[in-house]
Protein backbone atom coordinates (compact mmCIF):
# COMPACT_ATOMS: atom_id res chain seq x y z
CA MET A 1 -35.45 22.23 18.07
CA ALA A 2 -37.53 19.59 19.02
CA VAL A 3 -37.16 17.83 22.76
CA LEU A 4 -38.00 14.33 22.96
CA SER A 5 -40.58 13.68 24.46
CA ASP A 6 -41.19 10.34 27.44
CA ALA A 7 -43.97 9.51 25.00
CA GLY A 8 -41.84 9.74 22.33
CA VAL A 9 -39.31 7.65 24.34
CA GLU A 10 -41.66 5.09 24.92
CA ARG A 11 -42.38 4.95 20.80
CA ILE A 12 -38.27 4.40 20.16
CA VAL A 13 -38.53 1.50 22.67
CA LYS A 14 -41.62 0.29 21.30
CA ALA A 15 -39.96 0.28 17.85
CA VAL A 16 -37.12 -1.26 19.10
CA GLY A 17 -38.79 -4.38 20.12
CA SER A 18 -39.28 -6.22 23.69
CA ARG A 19 -36.69 -8.36 22.38
CA PHE A 20 -33.85 -6.10 22.51
CA SER A 21 -34.51 -3.73 25.03
CA PRO A 22 -33.49 -4.61 28.92
CA THR A 23 -35.88 -4.77 31.20
CA ASP A 24 -33.97 -2.45 33.44
CA LEU A 25 -33.49 -0.13 30.91
CA ASP A 26 -33.66 3.42 32.00
CA ARG A 27 -35.98 5.62 30.12
CA ALA A 28 -35.20 8.76 31.74
CA HIS A 29 -31.50 8.58 31.16
CA LEU A 30 -32.30 7.27 27.39
CA ARG A 31 -34.23 10.40 26.74
CA ASP A 32 -31.73 12.80 28.30
CA ALA A 33 -28.75 10.84 26.10
CA LEU A 34 -31.11 10.86 22.88
CA ASN A 35 -32.16 15.12 23.34
CA HIS A 36 -28.49 15.62 24.00
CA CYS A 37 -27.39 13.43 20.92
CA PHE A 38 -29.89 15.62 19.03
CA ALA A 39 -28.47 19.27 20.37
CA ARG A 40 -25.08 18.29 19.05
CA TYR A 41 -26.35 17.30 15.60
CA LEU A 42 -28.18 20.53 15.18
CA VAL A 43 -24.79 22.23 16.07
CA ASP A 44 -22.82 20.36 13.74
CA ARG A 45 -25.77 20.96 11.04
CA ASP A 46 -25.36 24.77 11.08
CA ARG A 47 -21.54 24.44 11.48
CA ARG A 48 -21.08 22.40 8.42
CA SER A 49 -24.41 24.68 6.48
CA LYS A 50 -22.88 25.60 2.88
CA LYS A 51 -21.51 28.93 3.07
CA ALA A 52 -19.52 28.19 6.34
CA THR A 53 -18.51 24.84 5.16
CA ASP A 54 -16.51 26.62 1.69
CA SER A 55 -15.30 29.48 3.86
CA ARG A 56 -13.56 26.61 6.43
CA SER A 57 -12.57 24.55 3.97
CA GLN A 58 -10.86 27.53 1.97
CA ASP A 59 -9.06 28.32 5.33
CA ALA A 60 -8.37 25.26 6.47
CA ARG A 61 -6.41 23.89 3.27
CA LYS A 62 -4.83 26.72 3.42
CA ILE A 63 -3.39 26.01 7.29
CA ALA A 64 -2.64 22.55 6.14
CA GLU A 65 -0.70 23.87 3.12
CA HIS A 66 1.39 26.55 5.25
CA ALA A 67 2.11 24.19 8.05
CA GLY A 68 3.24 21.49 5.95
CA GLU A 69 5.49 23.76 4.04
CA LEU A 70 7.23 24.92 7.51
CA CYS A 71 7.29 21.37 8.43
CA ARG A 72 9.60 20.79 5.93
CA LEU A 73 11.26 24.32 6.04
CA LEU A 74 12.34 23.08 9.98
CA GLY A 75 12.97 19.82 8.99
CA PRO A 76 15.86 18.17 10.62
CA ASP A 77 18.13 18.62 7.42
CA GLN A 78 17.70 22.24 7.29
CA GLY A 79 15.34 23.87 9.97
CA THR A 80 18.09 24.61 12.47
CA VAL A 81 20.72 25.54 10.33
CA LEU A 82 18.03 27.73 8.59
CA ILE A 83 16.77 29.30 11.55
CA LEU A 84 20.79 29.98 12.87
CA ASP A 85 21.70 31.53 9.63
CA LEU A 86 18.09 33.75 9.89
CA LEU A 87 19.13 35.01 13.60
CA ARG A 88 23.08 35.77 12.49
CA ILE A 89 21.66 37.89 9.52
CA TYR A 90 19.19 39.44 11.85
CA GLU A 91 21.92 39.72 14.54
CA SER A 92 24.27 41.21 12.36
CA ASP A 93 21.83 43.41 10.00
CA GLU A 94 22.04 47.16 10.64
CA LEU A 95 18.79 47.77 9.18
CA TYR A 96 17.45 45.86 12.77
CA ALA A 97 19.84 47.13 15.40
CA GLY A 98 18.14 49.25 17.63
CA SER A 99 15.00 49.71 15.40
CA PRO A 100 11.75 50.20 17.39
CA GLU A 101 10.19 48.48 15.10
CA PHE A 102 12.20 44.99 16.00
CA PRO A 103 12.28 43.19 18.90
CA ALA A 104 15.58 42.41 20.58
CA PRO A 105 17.41 38.85 18.81
CA LEU A 106 16.36 36.20 20.98
CA ASP A 107 19.74 34.34 22.58
CA ILE A 108 19.31 31.07 20.66
CA ASP A 109 21.05 29.36 23.65
CA SER A 110 18.67 31.12 26.10
CA PRO A 111 16.16 28.60 27.89
CA ASP A 112 13.57 31.15 26.34
CA ALA A 113 14.31 30.28 22.74
CA PRO A 114 12.45 28.39 21.13
CA ASP A 115 12.64 24.34 20.90
CA LEU A 116 12.51 23.36 17.38
CA SER A 117 11.01 19.55 18.04
CA THR A 118 7.97 20.89 19.76
CA MET A 119 7.92 23.88 16.88
CA LEU A 120 7.39 20.98 14.44
CA VAL A 121 5.47 18.52 16.37
CA GLY A 122 2.82 21.48 16.59
CA LEU A 123 2.73 22.06 13.39
CA LYS A 124 2.50 18.93 12.32
CA ALA A 125 -0.69 18.52 14.69
CA LEU A 126 -1.80 21.64 12.88
CA ARG A 127 -1.68 20.23 9.30
CA VAL A 128 -3.27 17.11 10.42
CA CYS A 129 -6.18 18.89 12.21
CA ALA A 130 -6.51 21.27 9.19
CA GLU A 131 -6.60 17.98 6.49
CA ARG A 132 -9.11 16.75 8.49
CA VAL A 133 -11.23 19.27 8.42
CA VAL A 134 -11.06 19.60 4.29
CA ALA A 135 -11.59 15.76 4.68
CA MET A 136 -15.23 15.95 6.17
CA ASP A 137 -15.99 18.94 4.78
CA SER A 138 -15.84 16.94 1.22
CA GLU A 139 -18.09 14.37 2.47
CA ASP A 140 -21.34 14.04 1.31
CA GLY A 141 -23.83 17.26 1.52
CA ASP A 142 -25.50 15.71 4.83
CA SER A 143 -22.96 15.05 6.70
CA ALA A 144 -23.92 16.10 10.08
CA LEU A 145 -27.01 13.39 9.06
CA PHE A 146 -23.98 10.78 8.43
CA ALA A 147 -22.53 11.39 11.75
CA LEU A 148 -25.63 11.66 13.58
CA VAL A 149 -26.68 7.77 12.45
CA THR A 150 -23.19 6.52 12.43
CA ARG A 151 -21.76 7.82 15.56
CA GLY A 152 -23.62 9.37 18.18
CA LEU A 153 -27.00 7.09 17.41
CA PRO A 154 -25.01 3.94 17.86
CA GLU A 155 -23.05 5.48 21.07
CA VAL A 156 -26.83 5.93 22.82
CA TYR A 157 -28.00 2.33 21.27
CA LYS A 158 -25.14 0.38 22.65
CA LYS A 159 -25.09 1.67 26.46
CA HIS A 160 -28.84 1.94 26.77
CA PHE A 161 -29.80 -1.14 24.78
CA ARG A 162 -26.09 -2.68 25.42
CA GLN A 163 -25.74 -4.10 22.07
CA GLU A 164 -24.20 -3.18 18.54
CA LYS A 165 -26.22 -1.54 16.44
CA ALA A 166 -26.84 -3.77 13.72
CA GLY A 167 -28.36 -3.74 10.04
CA ARG A 168 -30.98 -5.83 8.33
CA SER A 169 -32.28 -8.62 10.79
CA ARG A 170 -32.78 -10.97 7.97
CA SER A 171 -30.57 -11.68 4.78
CA GLY A 172 -31.63 -11.28 1.16
CA GLY A 173 -33.85 -7.73 2.03
CA GLY A 174 -36.11 -8.68 4.80
CA ALA A 175 -36.87 -6.58 7.83
CA TYR A 176 -35.15 -4.02 9.16
CA GLY A 177 -33.09 -4.68 12.47
CA PRO A 178 -33.39 -3.24 15.73
CA PHE A 179 -31.10 -0.18 15.46
CA ILE A 180 -32.01 0.89 12.34
CA ARG A 181 -35.69 0.80 13.50
CA PHE A 182 -34.31 2.56 16.83
CA ALA A 183 -32.57 5.49 14.59
CA SER A 184 -35.67 5.86 12.27
CA GLN A 185 -38.39 5.84 14.63
CA PHE A 186 -36.13 8.39 16.71
CA GLY A 187 -35.90 10.95 13.44
CA GLY A 188 -39.57 10.39 13.51
CA GLU A 189 -39.69 11.63 17.10
CA VAL A 190 -37.47 14.83 16.42
CA GLU A 191 -38.94 15.91 12.54
CA VAL A 192 -35.74 14.82 11.15
CA GLU A 193 -36.60 12.50 8.24
CA ILE A 194 -34.22 9.36 8.76
CA LYS A 195 -35.57 6.60 6.26
CA PRO A 196 -34.50 2.91 6.92
CA GLU A 197 -33.00 2.76 3.40
CA THR A 198 -30.11 6.17 4.44
CA VAL A 199 -29.44 4.41 7.74
CA SER A 200 -28.80 1.08 5.88
CA ARG A 201 -26.29 2.87 3.56
CA TYR A 202 -24.57 4.94 5.95
CA LEU A 203 -24.01 2.15 7.80
CA SER A 204 -22.58 0.14 4.89
CA LYS A 205 -20.63 3.32 3.67
CA SER A 206 -19.59 3.65 7.68
CA ARG A 207 -17.76 0.02 7.70
CA ALA A 208 -16.51 0.38 4.10
CA MET A 209 -14.50 3.64 5.36
CA GLY A 210 -12.96 1.33 8.74
């Protein structure tokens, strides 16, 4: 893992330009923030490796499908009736009665009985999270870099340079703006290729995604 040096921070600040750099810029804090940002990128990149991503996507898709089906079965129209019917069958079936393999039936009026609405909220949250994992894994192949360029680095830039990220400083294909220079120089310092045109393309894609 390449760790950003003080000299590297100076080169990044120089790339941004004195016009866009606060006079009281705390370079030590900027270095720490960028190193933390880079560490998160490395973890994200490893987590999104193709083998791990394929397996995780398959599991997440199954979780989303099963959670969605359970939400449907436990919905307000039939969930309560279904559970009560299952409990009645369970309580009356001689196969289950007194069997050590099955726990004693739970009194549905007991305070320890599961709350259906809470179960539904949890299942819906589980389904949403699983669907997000599937969607995230289906992004372009270098989605860790996309996240770094559109979320991680902009947060650092906004906090330390006190301005929003920007694309080109001039229209019609002119010079790249300060944030693009910031991100590209950062990539050079940590030995990750972040071309200015890649930053520009990712920012446009991020804006289009809302």
